[in-house]
C-alpha atoms as a PDB file:
ATOM      1  CA  UNK A   1       4.221 -34.329 -13.078  1.00  0.00           C
ATOM      2  CA  UNK A   2       4.643 -34.501 -16.855  1.00  0.00           C
ATOM      3  CA  UNK A   3       4.922 -30.781 -17.467  1.00  0.00           C
ATOM      4  CA  UNK A   4       4.360 -31.074 -21.145  1.00  0.00           C
ATOM      5  CA  UNK A   5       1.349 -33.140 -20.910  1.00  0.00           C
ATOM      6  CA  UNK A   6      -0.147 -30.856 -18.228  1.00  0.00           C
ATOM      7  CA  UNK A   7       0.566 -27.965 -20.323  1.00  0.00           C
ATOM      8  CA  UNK A   8      -1.210 -29.604 -23.323  1.00  0.00           C
ATOM      9  CA  UNK A   9      -4.183 -30.401 -21.262  1.00  0.00           C
ATOM     10  CA  UNK A  10      -4.670 -26.869 -19.964  1.00  0.00           C
ATOM     11  CA  UNK A  11      -3.475 -25.032 -23.254  1.00  0.00           C
ATOM     12  CA  UNK A  12      -6.888 -24.110 -24.293  1.00  0.00           C
ATOM     13  CA  UNK A  13      -7.812 -22.710 -20.953  1.00  0.00           C
ATOM     14  CA  UNK A  14      -4.535 -20.631 -20.765  1.00  0.00           C
ATOM     15  CA  UNK A  15      -4.899 -19.221 -24.287  1.00  0.00           C
ATOM     16  CA  UNK A  16      -8.362 -18.050 -23.451  1.00  0.00           C
ATOM     17  CA  UNK A  17      -7.036 -16.452 -20.410  1.00  0.00           C
ATOM     18  CA  UNK A  18      -4.350 -14.707 -22.373  1.00  0.00           C
ATOM     19  CA  UNK A  19      -6.849 -13.624 -25.005  1.00  0.00           C
ATOM     20  CA  UNK A  20      -9.283 -12.079 -22.156  1.00  0.00           C
ATOM     21  CA  UNK A  21      -6.318 -10.510 -20.483  1.00  0.00           C
ATOM     22  CA  UNK A  22      -5.493  -8.710 -23.685  1.00  0.00           C
ATOM     23  CA  UNK A  23      -9.147  -7.174 -23.978  1.00  0.00           C
ATOM     24  CA  UNK A  24      -9.876  -3.627 -22.835  1.00  0.00           C
ATOM     25  CA  UNK A  25     -13.711  -3.980 -22.816  1.00  0.00           C
ATOM     26  CA  UNK A  26     -15.735  -6.927 -21.413  1.00  0.00           C
ATOM     27  CA  UNK A  27     -19.235  -7.825 -21.559  1.00  0.00           C
ATOM     28  CA  UNK A  28     -20.806  -9.342 -18.276  1.00  0.00           C
ATOM     29  CA  UNK A  29     -20.155 -12.869 -19.390  1.00  0.00           C
ATOM     30  CA  UNK A  30     -16.634 -12.303 -20.332  1.00  0.00           C
ATOM     31  CA  UNK A  31     -15.767 -10.572 -16.909  1.00  0.00           C
ATOM     32  CA  UNK A  32     -17.133 -13.458 -15.047  1.00  0.00           C
ATOM     33  CA  UNK A  33     -15.099 -15.733 -17.358  1.00  0.00           C
ATOM     34  CA  UNK A  34     -11.985 -13.706 -16.827  1.00  0.00           C
ATOM     35  CA  UNK A  35     -12.250 -14.055 -13.029  1.00  0.00           C
ATOM     36  CA  UNK A  36     -12.996 -17.733 -13.456  1.00  0.00           C
ATOM     37  CA  UNK A  37      -9.944 -18.392 -15.519  1.00  0.00           C
ATOM     38  CA  UNK A  38      -7.724 -16.349 -13.294  1.00  0.00           C
ATOM     39  CA  UNK A  39      -8.707 -18.331 -10.358  1.00  0.00           C
ATOM     40  CA  UNK A  40      -8.099 -21.756 -12.062  1.00  0.00           C
ATOM     41  CA  UNK A  41      -4.730 -20.470 -13.648  1.00  0.00           C
ATOM     42  CA  UNK A  42      -3.548 -19.263 -10.238  1.00  0.00           C
ATOM     43  CA  UNK A  43      -4.105 -22.763  -8.862  1.00  0.00           C
ATOM     44  CA  UNK A  44      -2.545 -24.435 -11.987  1.00  0.00           C
ATOM     45  CA  UNK A  45       0.493 -22.161 -11.830  1.00  0.00           C
ATOM     46  CA  UNK A  46       0.874 -23.151  -8.066  1.00  0.00           C
ATOM     47  CA  UNK A  47       0.837 -26.851  -8.976  1.00  0.00           C
ATOM     48  CA  UNK A  48       3.543 -26.105 -11.651  1.00  0.00           C
ATOM     49  CA  UNK A  49       5.789 -24.330  -9.130  1.00  0.00           C
ATOM     50  CA  UNK A  50       5.390 -27.019  -6.507  1.00  0.00           C
ATOM     51  CA  UNK A  51       6.361 -29.835  -8.602  1.00  0.00           C
ATOM     52  CA  UNK A  52       8.486 -28.507 -11.514  1.00  0.00           C
ATOM     53  CA  UNK A  53       9.716 -25.310 -10.295  1.00  0.00           C
ATOM     54  CA  UNK A  54      10.828 -22.404 -12.684  1.00  0.00           C
ATOM     55  CA  UNK A  55       9.689 -23.201 -16.213  1.00  0.00           C
ATOM     56  CA  UNK A  56       8.754 -21.614 -19.511  1.00  0.00           C
ATOM     57  CA  UNK A  57       5.253 -22.753 -19.096  1.00  0.00           C
ATOM     58  CA  UNK A  58       4.992 -21.242 -15.698  1.00  0.00           C
ATOM     59  CA  UNK A  59       6.560 -18.004 -16.624  1.00  0.00           C
ATOM     60  CA  UNK A  60       4.090 -17.645 -19.524  1.00  0.00           C
ATOM     61  CA  UNK A  61       1.130 -18.455 -17.320  1.00  0.00           C
ATOM     62  CA  UNK A  62       2.372 -16.095 -14.585  1.00  0.00           C
ATOM     63  CA  UNK A  63       2.471 -13.298 -17.186  1.00  0.00           C
ATOM     64  CA  UNK A  64      -1.144 -14.037 -18.398  1.00  0.00           C
ATOM     65  CA  UNK A  65      -2.291 -14.155 -14.781  1.00  0.00           C
ATOM     66  CA  UNK A  66      -0.628 -10.741 -14.140  1.00  0.00           C
ATOM     67  CA  UNK A  67      -2.282  -9.117 -17.223  1.00  0.00           C
ATOM     68  CA  UNK A  68      -5.620 -10.733 -16.180  1.00  0.00           C
ATOM     69  CA  UNK A  69      -5.313  -9.353 -12.638  1.00  0.00           C
ATOM     70  CA  UNK A  70      -4.750  -5.816 -13.875  1.00  0.00           C
ATOM     71  CA  UNK A  71      -7.814  -6.050 -16.122  1.00  0.00           C
ATOM     72  CA  UNK A  72     -10.352  -6.902 -13.303  1.00  0.00           C
ATOM     73  CA  UNK A  73      -8.473  -4.995 -10.389  1.00  0.00           C
ATOM     74  CA  UNK A  74      -7.354  -2.103 -12.600  1.00  0.00           C
ATOM     75  CA  UNK A  75      -3.726  -0.541 -12.433  1.00  0.00           C
ATOM     76  CA  UNK A  76      -4.907   2.244 -10.429  1.00  0.00           C
ATOM     77  CA  UNK A  77      -3.670   5.821 -11.037  1.00  0.00           C
ATOM     78  CA  UNK A  78      -0.507   5.731  -9.299  1.00  0.00           C
ATOM     79  CA  UNK A  79       2.205   2.867  -9.303  1.00  0.00           C
ATOM     80  CA  UNK A  80       2.205   3.434  -5.593  1.00  0.00           C
ATOM     81  CA  UNK A  81      -1.122   1.600  -5.252  1.00  0.00           C
ATOM     82  CA  UNK A  82       0.745  -1.597  -6.148  1.00  0.00           C
ATOM     83  CA  UNK A  83       3.049  -1.484  -3.200  1.00  0.00           C
ATOM     84  CA  UNK A  84       0.865  -3.378  -0.887  1.00  0.00           C
ATOM     85  CA  UNK A  85       0.872  -6.267  -3.444  1.00  0.00           C
ATOM     86  CA  UNK A  86       4.747  -5.871  -3.831  1.00  0.00           C
ATOM     87  CA  UNK A  87       5.446  -6.130  -0.208  1.00  0.00           C
ATOM     88  CA  UNK A  88       2.704  -8.520   0.648  1.00  0.00           C
ATOM     89  CA  UNK A  89       3.242 -11.059  -2.163  1.00  0.00           C
ATOM     90  CA  UNK A  90       6.205 -10.402  -4.574  1.00  0.00           C
ATOM     91  CA  UNK A  91       8.924  -9.514  -2.148  1.00  0.00           C
ATOM     92  CA  UNK A  92       8.378 -12.321   0.347  1.00  0.00           C
ATOM     93  CA  UNK A  93       8.029 -14.870  -2.487  1.00  0.00           C
ATOM     94  CA  UNK A  94      11.315 -13.778  -3.730  1.00  0.00           C
ATOM     95  CA  UNK A  95      12.880 -14.325  -0.455  1.00  0.00           C
ATOM     96  CA  UNK A  96      11.262 -17.581   0.141  1.00  0.00           C
ATOM     97  CA  UNK A  97      12.710 -18.835  -3.092  1.00  0.00           C
ATOM     98  CA  UNK A  98      16.240 -18.467  -1.598  1.00  0.00           C
ATOM     99  CA  UNK A  99      15.417 -19.579   1.882  1.00  0.00           C
ATOM    100  CA  UNK A 100      17.608 -22.607   2.013  1.00  0.00           C
ATOM    101  CA  UNK A 101      20.565 -21.154   0.414  1.00  0.00           C
ATOM    102  CA  UNK A 102      20.469 -18.304   2.852  1.00  0.00           C
ATOM    103  CA  UNK A 103      20.530 -20.676   5.650  1.00  0.00           C
ATOM    104  CA  UNK A 104      23.427 -22.703   4.081  1.00  0.00           C
ATOM    105  CA  UNK A 105      25.421 -19.425   3.620  1.00  0.00           C
ATOM    106  CA  UNK A 106      24.793 -18.582   7.341  1.00  0.00           C
ATOM    107  CA  UNK A 107      25.824 -21.957   8.376  1.00  0.00           C
ATOM    108  CA  UNK A 108      29.043 -21.783   6.314  1.00  0.00           C
ATOM    109  CA  UNK A 109      29.813 -18.393   7.487  1.00  0.00           C
ATOM    110  CA  UNK A 110      29.465 -19.489  11.290  1.00  0.00           C
ATOM    111  CA  UNK A 111      31.901 -22.362  10.683  1.00  0.00           C
ATOM    112  CA  UNK A 112      34.430 -20.231   8.812  1.00  0.00           C
ATOM    113  CA  UNK A 113      34.320 -17.569  11.667  1.00  0.00           C
ATOM    114  CA  UNK A 114      34.577 -20.327  14.412  1.00  0.00           C
ATOM    115  CA  UNK A 115      37.509 -22.077  12.801  1.00  0.00           C
ATOM    116  CA  UNK A 116      39.418 -18.658  12.252  1.00  0.00           C
ATOM    117  CA  UNK A 117      38.777 -17.709  15.936  1.00  0.00           C
ATOM    118  CA  UNK A 118      39.955 -21.043  17.118  1.00  0.00           C
ATOM    119  CA  UNK A 119      42.863 -21.078  14.829  1.00  0.00           C
ATOM    120  CA  UNK A 120      44.025 -17.571  15.890  1.00  0.00           C
ATOM    121  CA  UNK A 121      43.511 -18.181  19.565  1.00  0.00           C
ATOM    122  CA  UNK A 122      45.553 -21.569  19.480  1.00  0.00           C
ATOM    123  CA  UNK A 123      48.284 -20.660  16.830  1.00  0.00           C
ATOM    124  CA  UNK A 124      51.235 -18.568  18.141  1.00  0.00           C
ATOM    125  CA  UNK A 125      52.027 -15.576  16.428  1.00  0.00           C
ATOM    126  CA  UNK A 126      48.672 -15.103  14.626  1.00  0.00           C
ATOM    127  CA  UNK A 127      47.229 -12.115  17.012  1.00  0.00           C
ATOM    128  CA  UNK A 128      50.750 -10.727  17.031  1.00  0.00           C
ATOM    129  CA  UNK A 129      49.843  -9.596  13.492  1.00  0.00           C
ATOM    130  CA  UNK A 130      47.557  -7.136  15.012  1.00  0.00           C
ATOM    131  CA  UNK A 131      50.275  -5.402  16.988  1.00  0.00           C
ATOM    132  CA  UNK A 132      51.634  -5.542  20.620  1.00  0.00           C
ATOM    133  CA  UNK A 133      49.548  -6.258  23.686  1.00  0.00           C
ATOM    134  CA  UNK A 134      48.925  -2.505  24.140  1.00  0.00           C
ATOM    135  CA  UNK A 135      47.785  -2.085  20.562  1.00  0.00           C
ATOM    136  CA  UNK A 136      45.381  -5.270  21.176  1.00  0.00           C
ATOM    137  CA  UNK A 137      44.173  -3.654  24.419  1.00  0.00           C
ATOM    138  CA  UNK A 138      43.546  -0.483  22.539  1.00  0.00           C
ATOM    139  CA  UNK A 139      41.381  -2.319  19.917  1.00  0.00           C
ATOM    140  CA  UNK A 140      39.152  -3.605  22.575  1.00  0.00           C
ATOM    141  CA  UNK A 141      38.517   0.063  23.786  1.00  0.00           C
ATOM    142  CA  UNK A 142      37.957   1.127  20.151  1.00  0.00           C
ATOM    143  CA  UNK A 143      35.552  -1.694  19.633  1.00  0.00           C
ATOM    144  CA  UNK A 144      33.319  -0.468  22.400  1.00  0.00           C
ATOM    145  CA  UNK A 145      33.828   3.278  21.755  1.00  0.00           C
ATOM    146  CA  UNK A 146      32.853   2.665  17.976  1.00  0.00           C
ATOM    147  CA  UNK A 147      29.192   2.374  18.862  1.00  0.00           C
ATOM    148  CA  UNK A 148      29.102   5.421  21.248  1.00  0.00           C
ATOM    149  CA  UNK A 149      31.552   8.155  19.715  1.00  0.00           C
ATOM    150  CA  UNK A 150      29.064   9.435  17.051  1.00  0.00           C
ATOM    151  CA  UNK A 151      25.690  10.848  17.263  1.00  0.00           C
ATOM    152  CA  UNK A 152      22.997   8.174  16.814  1.00  0.00           C
ATOM    153  CA  UNK A 153      21.414   9.527  13.590  1.00  0.00           C
ATOM    154  CA  UNK A 154      24.587   9.985  11.750  1.00  0.00           C
ATOM    155  CA  UNK A 155      26.133   6.739  12.806  1.00  0.00           C
ATOM    156  CA  UNK A 156      22.957   4.736  11.753  1.00  0.00           C
ATOM    157  CA  UNK A 157      23.096   6.466   8.574  1.00  0.00           C
ATOM    158  CA  UNK A 158      26.853   5.510   7.982  1.00  0.00           C
ATOM    159  CA  UNK A 159      26.182   1.935   9.005  1.00  0.00           C
ATOM    160  CA  UNK A 160      23.297   1.688   6.690  1.00  0.00           C
ATOM    161  CA  UNK A 161      25.196   2.877   3.684  1.00  0.00           C
ATOM    162  CA  UNK A 162      28.209   0.580   4.309  1.00  0.00           C
ATOM    163  CA  UNK A 163      25.974  -2.486   4.776  1.00  0.00           C
ATOM    164  CA  UNK A 164      23.746  -1.446   1.729  1.00  0.00           C
ATOM    165  CA  UNK A 165      26.870  -1.267  -0.443  1.00  0.00           C
ATOM    166  CA  UNK A 166      28.265  -4.781   0.724  1.00  0.00           C
ATOM    167  CA  UNK A 167      24.881  -6.318  -0.250  1.00  0.00           C
ATOM    168  CA  UNK A 168      24.642  -4.624  -3.356  1.00  0.00           C
ATOM    169  CA  UNK A 169      27.916  -5.797  -4.230  1.00  0.00           C
ATOM    170  CA  UNK A 170      26.877  -9.458  -3.253  1.00  0.00           C
ATOM    171  CA  UNK A 171      23.987  -9.268  -5.561  1.00  0.00           C
ATOM    172  CA  UNK A 172      25.289  -7.186  -8.373  1.00  0.00           C
ATOM    173  CA  UNK A 173      28.532  -9.093  -8.804  1.00  0.00           C
ATOM    174  CA  UNK A 174      26.852 -12.465  -8.409  1.00  0.00           C
ATOM    175  CA  UNK A 175      26.902 -13.120 -11.901  1.00  0.00           C
ATOM    176  CA  UNK A 176      30.751 -13.590 -11.736  1.00  0.00           C
ATOM    177  CA  UNK A 177      30.306 -16.465  -9.472  1.00  0.00           C
ATOM    178  CA  UNK A 178      33.482 -15.859  -7.499  1.00  0.00           C
ATOM    179  CA  UNK A 179      33.296 -12.186  -6.062  1.00  0.00           C
ATOM    180  CA  UNK A 180      30.355 -12.940  -3.884  1.00  0.00           C
ATOM    181  CA  UNK A 181      31.701 -16.056  -2.183  1.00  0.00           C
ATOM    182  CA  UNK A 182      34.989 -14.015  -1.728  1.00  0.00           C
ATOM    183  CA  UNK A 183      33.047 -11.154   0.100  1.00  0.00           C
ATOM    184  CA  UNK A 184      31.062 -13.598   2.301  1.00  0.00           C
ATOM    185  CA  UNK A 185      34.257 -15.405   3.095  1.00  0.00           C
ATOM    186  CA  UNK A 186      35.974 -12.132   4.054  1.00  0.00           C
ATOM    187  CA  UNK A 187      33.145 -11.056   6.096  1.00  0.00           C
ATOM    188  CA  UNK A 188      33.183 -14.355   8.226  1.00  0.00           C
ATOM    189  CA  UNK A 189      37.075 -14.156   8.459  1.00  0.00           C
ATOM    190  CA  UNK A 190      36.848 -10.658   9.917  1.00  0.00           C
ATOM    191  CA  UNK A 191      34.031 -11.596  12.340  1.00  0.00           C
ATOM    192  CA  UNK A 192      36.199 -14.738  13.610  1.00  0.00           C
ATOM    193  CA  UNK A 193      39.420 -12.661  13.835  1.00  0.00           C
ATOM    194  CA  UNK A 194      37.631  -9.975  15.710  1.00  0.00           C
ATOM    195  CA  UNK A 195      36.158 -12.484  18.208  1.00  0.00           C
ATOM    196  CA  UNK A 196      39.636 -14.117  18.769  1.00  0.00           C
ATOM    197  CA  UNK A 197      41.267 -10.804  19.427  1.00  0.00           C
ATOM    198  CA  UNK A 198      38.745  -9.712  22.172  1.00  0.00           C
ATOM    199  CA  UNK A 199      38.676 -13.205  23.547  1.00  0.00           C
ATOM    200  CA  UNK A 200      42.325 -13.198  23.911  1.00  0.00           C
ATOM    201  CA  UNK A 201      42.000 -10.097  26.047  1.00  0.00           C
ATOM    202  CA  UNK A 202      39.122 -11.556  28.123  1.00  0.00           C
ATOM    203  CA  UNK A 203      36.441  -9.601  26.562  1.00  0.00           C
ATOM    204  CA  UNK A 204      34.791 -12.247  24.433  1.00  0.00           C
ATOM    205  CA  UNK A 205      31.368 -11.511  26.334  1.00  0.00           C
ATOM    206  CA  UNK A 206      32.009  -7.699  25.008  1.00  0.00           C
ATOM    207  CA  UNK A 207      32.194  -9.075  21.593  1.00  0.00           C
ATOM    208  CA  UNK A 208      28.943 -11.007  21.596  1.00  0.00           C
ATOM    209  CA  UNK A 209      27.188  -8.321  23.558  1.00  0.00           C
ATOM    210  CA  UNK A 210      27.968  -5.508  21.287  1.00  0.00           C
ATOM    211  CA  UNK A 211      27.302  -7.560  18.098  1.00  0.00           C
ATOM    212  CA  UNK A 212      24.164  -9.382  19.129  1.00  0.00           C
ATOM    213  CA  UNK A 213      21.661  -6.611  19.299  1.00  0.00           C
ATOM    214  CA  UNK A 214      22.046  -5.509  15.627  1.00  0.00           C
ATOM    215  CA  UNK A 215      24.249  -8.087  14.044  1.00  0.00           C
ATOM    216  CA  UNK A 216      21.484 -10.916  13.998  1.00  0.00           C
ATOM    217  CA  UNK A 217      19.489  -9.024  11.465  1.00  0.00           C
ATOM    218  CA  UNK A 218      22.574  -7.344   9.765  1.00  0.00           C
ATOM    219  CA  UNK A 219      24.342 -10.572   9.248  1.00  0.00           C
ATOM    220  CA  UNK A 220      21.366 -12.405   7.961  1.00  0.00           C
ATOM    221  CA  UNK A 221      20.770  -9.697   5.447  1.00  0.00           C
ATOM    222  CA  UNK A 222      24.318 -10.263   4.052  1.00  0.00           C
ATOM    223  CA  UNK A 223      23.757 -14.013   3.862  1.00  0.00           C
ATOM    224  CA  UNK A 224      20.496 -13.480   1.920  1.00  0.00           C
ATOM    225  CA  UNK A 225      22.142 -10.940  -0.369  1.00  0.00           C
ATOM    226  CA  UNK A 226      24.883 -13.676  -0.877  1.00  0.00           C
ATOM    227  CA  UNK A 227      22.176 -16.140  -1.778  1.00  0.00           C
ATOM    228  CA  UNK A 228      20.613 -13.779  -4.211  1.00  0.00           C
ATOM    229  CA  UNK A 229      23.900 -13.305  -6.033  1.00  0.00           C
ATOM    230  CA  UNK A 230      24.725 -16.962  -6.198  1.00  0.00           C
ATOM    231  CA  UNK A 231      21.188 -17.667  -7.400  1.00  0.00           C
ATOM    232  CA  UNK A 232      21.756 -15.309 -10.327  1.00  0.00           C
ATOM    233  CA  UNK A 233      25.023 -17.035 -11.001  1.00  0.00           C
ATOM    234  CA  UNK A 234      23.529 -20.313 -11.146  1.00  0.00           C
ATOM    235  CA  UNK A 235      20.730 -19.438 -13.309  1.00  0.00           C
ATOM    236  CA  UNK A 236      23.099 -18.991 -16.410  1.00  0.00           C
ATOM    237  CA  UNK A 237      25.135 -21.931 -15.360  1.00  0.00           C
ATOM    238  CA  UNK A 238      22.001 -24.275 -15.232  1.00  0.00           C
ATOM    239  CA  UNK A 239      19.168 -22.507 -16.987  1.00  0.00           C
ATOM    240  CA  UNK A 240      17.110 -25.566 -17.434  1.00  0.00           C
ATOM    241  CA  UNK A 241      14.822 -25.429 -20.416  1.00  0.00           C
ATOM    242  CA  UNK A 242      15.237 -21.734 -20.903  1.00  0.00           C
ATOM    243  CA  UNK A 243      17.978 -19.970 -22.759  1.00  0.00           C
ATOM    244  CA  UNK A 244      20.645 -18.399 -20.584  1.00  0.00           C
ATOM    245  CA  UNK A 245      19.562 -15.047 -21.365  1.00  0.00           C
ATOM    246  CA  UNK A 246      16.040 -15.842 -20.448  1.00  0.00           C
ATOM    247  CA  UNK A 247      17.026 -17.491 -17.223  1.00  0.00           C
ATOM    248  CA  UNK A 248      19.259 -14.452 -16.425  1.00  0.00           C
ATOM    249  CA  UNK A 249      16.615 -11.950 -17.053  1.00  0.00           C
ATOM    250  CA  UNK A 250      14.024 -13.871 -14.998  1.00  0.00           C
ATOM    251  CA  UNK A 251      16.342 -14.402 -12.028  1.00  0.00           C
ATOM    252  CA  UNK A 252      17.566 -10.876 -12.326  1.00  0.00           C
ATOM    253  CA  UNK A 253      14.008  -9.215 -12.154  1.00  0.00           C
ATOM    254  CA  UNK A 254      12.979 -11.436  -9.162  1.00  0.00           C
ATOM    255  CA  UNK A 255      16.145 -11.050  -7.132  1.00  0.00           C
ATOM    256  CA  UNK A 256      16.105  -7.157  -7.755  1.00  0.00           C
ATOM    257  CA  UNK A 257      13.092  -7.513  -5.628  1.00  0.00           C
ATOM    258  CA  UNK A 258      15.372  -8.986  -2.914  1.00  0.00           C
ATOM    259  CA  UNK A 259      17.558  -5.830  -2.983  1.00  0.00           C
ATOM    260  CA  UNK A 260      14.595  -3.545  -2.231  1.00  0.00           C
ATOM    261  CA  UNK A 261      13.771  -5.817   0.773  1.00  0.00           C
ATOM    262  CA  UNK A 262      17.246  -5.699   2.036  1.00  0.00           C
ATOM    263  CA  UNK A 263      17.491  -2.039   2.030  1.00  0.00           C
ATOM    264  CA  UNK A 264      14.536  -2.051   4.459  1.00  0.00           C
ATOM    265  CA  UNK A 265      16.030  -4.677   6.795  1.00  0.00           C
ATOM    266  CA  UNK A 266      19.481  -2.951   6.691  1.00  0.00           C
ATOM    267  CA  UNK A 267      17.680   0.335   7.600  1.00  0.00           C
ATOM    268  CA  UNK A 268      16.109  -1.433  10.720  1.00  0.00           C
ATOM    269  CA  UNK A 269      19.501  -3.051  11.733  1.00  0.00           C
ATOM    270  CA  UNK A 270      21.210   0.290  11.147  1.00  0.00           C
ATOM    271  CA  UNK A 271      18.737   1.944  13.583  1.00  0.00           C
ATOM    272  CA  UNK A 272      19.228  -0.747  16.220  1.00  0.00           C
ATOM    273  CA  UNK A 273      22.953  -0.293  15.961  1.00  0.00           C
ATOM    274  CA  UNK A 274      22.971   3.555  16.077  1.00  0.00           C
ATOM    275  CA  UNK A 275      20.131   3.837  18.766  1.00  0.00           C
ATOM    276  CA  UNK A 276      19.958   0.704  20.691  1.00  0.00           C
ATOM    277  CA  UNK A 277      23.476  -1.096  21.040  1.00  0.00           C
ATOM    278  CA  UNK A 278      24.863   2.243  22.594  1.00  0.00           C
ATOM    279  CA  UNK A 279      22.156   2.632  25.287  1.00  0.00           C
ATOM    280  CA  UNK A 280      22.724   1.726  28.806  1.00  0.00           C
ATOM    281  CA  UNK A 281      19.797  -0.640  28.993  1.00  0.00           C
ATOM    282  CA  UNK A 282      20.105  -4.416  30.277  1.00  0.00           C
ATOM    283  CA  UNK A 283      21.537  -6.640  27.657  1.00  0.00           C
ATOM    284  CA  UNK A 284      18.667  -8.875  27.625  1.00  0.00           C
ATOM    285  CA  UNK A 285      16.482  -6.097  26.340  1.00  0.00           C
ATOM    286  CA  UNK A 286      18.927  -5.034  23.708  1.00  0.00           C
ATOM    287  CA  UNK A 287      19.664  -8.449  22.522  1.00  0.00           C
ATOM    288  CA  UNK A 288      15.892  -9.184  22.613  1.00  0.00           C
ATOM    289  CA  UNK A 289      15.199  -6.188  20.435  1.00  0.00           C
ATOM    290  CA  UNK A 290      17.672  -7.600  17.771  1.00  0.00           C
ATOM    291  CA  UNK A 291      16.143 -11.192  18.165  1.00  0.00           C
ATOM    292  CA  UNK A 292      12.536  -9.942  17.622  1.00  0.00           C
ATOM    293  CA  UNK A 293      13.879  -7.990  14.388  1.00  0.00           C
ATOM    294  CA  UNK A 294      15.588 -11.048  12.837  1.00  0.00           C
ATOM    295  CA  UNK A 295      12.521 -13.235  13.786  1.00  0.00           C
ATOM    296  CA  UNK A 296      10.110 -10.952  12.041  1.00  0.00           C
ATOM    297  CA  UNK A 297      12.235 -11.026   8.979  1.00  0.00           C
ATOM    298  CA  UNK A 298      12.286 -14.812   9.143  1.00  0.00           C
ATOM    299  CA  UNK A 299       8.506 -14.951   9.617  1.00  0.00           C
ATOM    300  CA  UNK A 300       8.195 -12.623   6.462  1.00  0.00           C
ATOM    301  CA  UNK A 301      10.604 -14.878   4.401  1.00  0.00           C
ATOM    302  CA  UNK A 302       9.369 -18.330   5.419  1.00  0.00           C
ATOM    303  CA  UNK A 303       5.745 -17.953   6.352  1.00  0.00           C
ATOM    304  CA  UNK A 304       4.370 -15.116   4.336  1.00  0.00           C
ATOM    305  CA  UNK A 305       6.766 -15.930   1.487  1.00  0.00           C
ATOM    306  CA  UNK A 306       5.576 -19.530   1.508  1.00  0.00           C
ATOM    307  CA  UNK A 307       1.919 -18.314   1.200  1.00  0.00           C
ATOM    308  CA  UNK A 308       2.804 -16.014  -1.585  1.00  0.00           C
ATOM    309  CA  UNK A 309       4.830 -18.635  -3.481  1.00  0.00           C
ATOM    310  CA  UNK A 310       2.207 -21.375  -3.131  1.00  0.00           C
ATOM    311  CA  UNK A 311      -0.321 -18.761  -4.380  1.00  0.00           C
ATOM    312  CA  UNK A 312       1.647 -18.410  -7.641  1.00  0.00           C
ATOM    313  CA  UNK A 313       4.022 -15.404  -6.887  1.00  0.00           C
ATOM    314  CA  UNK A 314       7.605 -15.750  -8.068  1.00  0.00           C
ATOM    315  CA  UNK A 315       8.979 -12.306  -6.977  1.00  0.00           C
ATOM    316  CA  UNK A 316       9.208 -11.366 -10.633  1.00  0.00           C
ATOM    317  CA  UNK A 317       8.705  -7.578 -11.217  1.00  0.00           C
ATOM    318  CA  UNK A 318       7.138  -7.947 -14.456  1.00  0.00           C
ATOM    319  CA  UNK A 319       3.684  -7.498 -13.049  1.00  0.00           C
ATOM    320  CA  UNK A 320       4.778  -4.405 -11.373  1.00  0.00           C
ATOM    321  CA  UNK A 321       6.274  -3.227 -14.751  1.00  0.00           C
ATOM    322  CA  UNK A 322       3.209  -4.159 -16.443  1.00  0.00           C
ATOM    323  CA  UNK A 323       1.119  -1.962 -14.222  1.00  0.00           C
ATOM    324  CA  UNK A 324       3.511   0.971 -14.761  1.00  0.00           C
ATOM    325  CA  UNK A 325       3.234   0.344 -18.674  1.00  0.00           C
ATOM    326  CA  UNK A 326      -0.443   0.477 -18.387  1.00  0.00           C
ATOM    327  CA  UNK A 327      -0.472   3.618 -16.447  1.00  0.00           C
ATOM    328  CA  UNK A 328       1.577   5.382 -18.968  1.00  0.00           C
ATOM    329  CA  UNK A 329      -0.372   4.087 -22.035  1.00  0.00           C
ATOM    330  CA  UNK A 330      -3.415   5.581 -20.150  1.00  0.00           C
END
């Protein structure tokens, strides 16, 4: 697609959409035209996103569509009325935009963890850094007791807080470009060394059985946070047609949406870790609960996110903010 030619061909339509979206009162004909312009504009935005990705033209059209939608749906008398749209379209669209990067980070983390585990198991002296054989055996006991020595509710809350802090750092410090990969690398290294330590004591099954119920969703949430942070970093390294400030602002708004979603996913993984992992249930049931949780997240990101993205959503919070401003303005 020649984006400039496409924009020139539809410029009058988009200008009319913006004009109608700025009006406060409509005649019957204008109201019908607003709905018609909105429908055609949404289709055109979807075409731009599919073929050209992020662009200034697409961002402007998206803003006009947001204002138009507020005109014929109303902002409501409470920002909370926009939550269905947020969780049904904006959040999954933002997650969808970083789907491949999330998988790439997951694959890279798995490779690093496996390499460190193999290296530690096959290199004399590495595991000795963890102490004597007695100390290593004690570590195995503490690994199991870690999930059962605390009340479920307080343990789930502690785990949620720790994981939320890690993911927040991945996103917030993503602009630096170095700190997020460092956190992801250290996380993968710790997983690999922990597996090696338990494996050396003949308890590799214990490692996977205690990690699998909650770790599937928890680790993938960390990978998504890392993807969001790296996306922010890349936005000012390669801003495209936008200025670096515009690119950083747009990606920052959109990926702040991801942070809100990860708060929810980490809450779920924390509940599983606090209430499910420690139970004396059959392992297939406990691991199955974790698998269902991460599968639901993947469906939300890939299926619902794809539908929202193709409908023109970008995950940008500008529409939500516009609704809040209209409420304040009365």
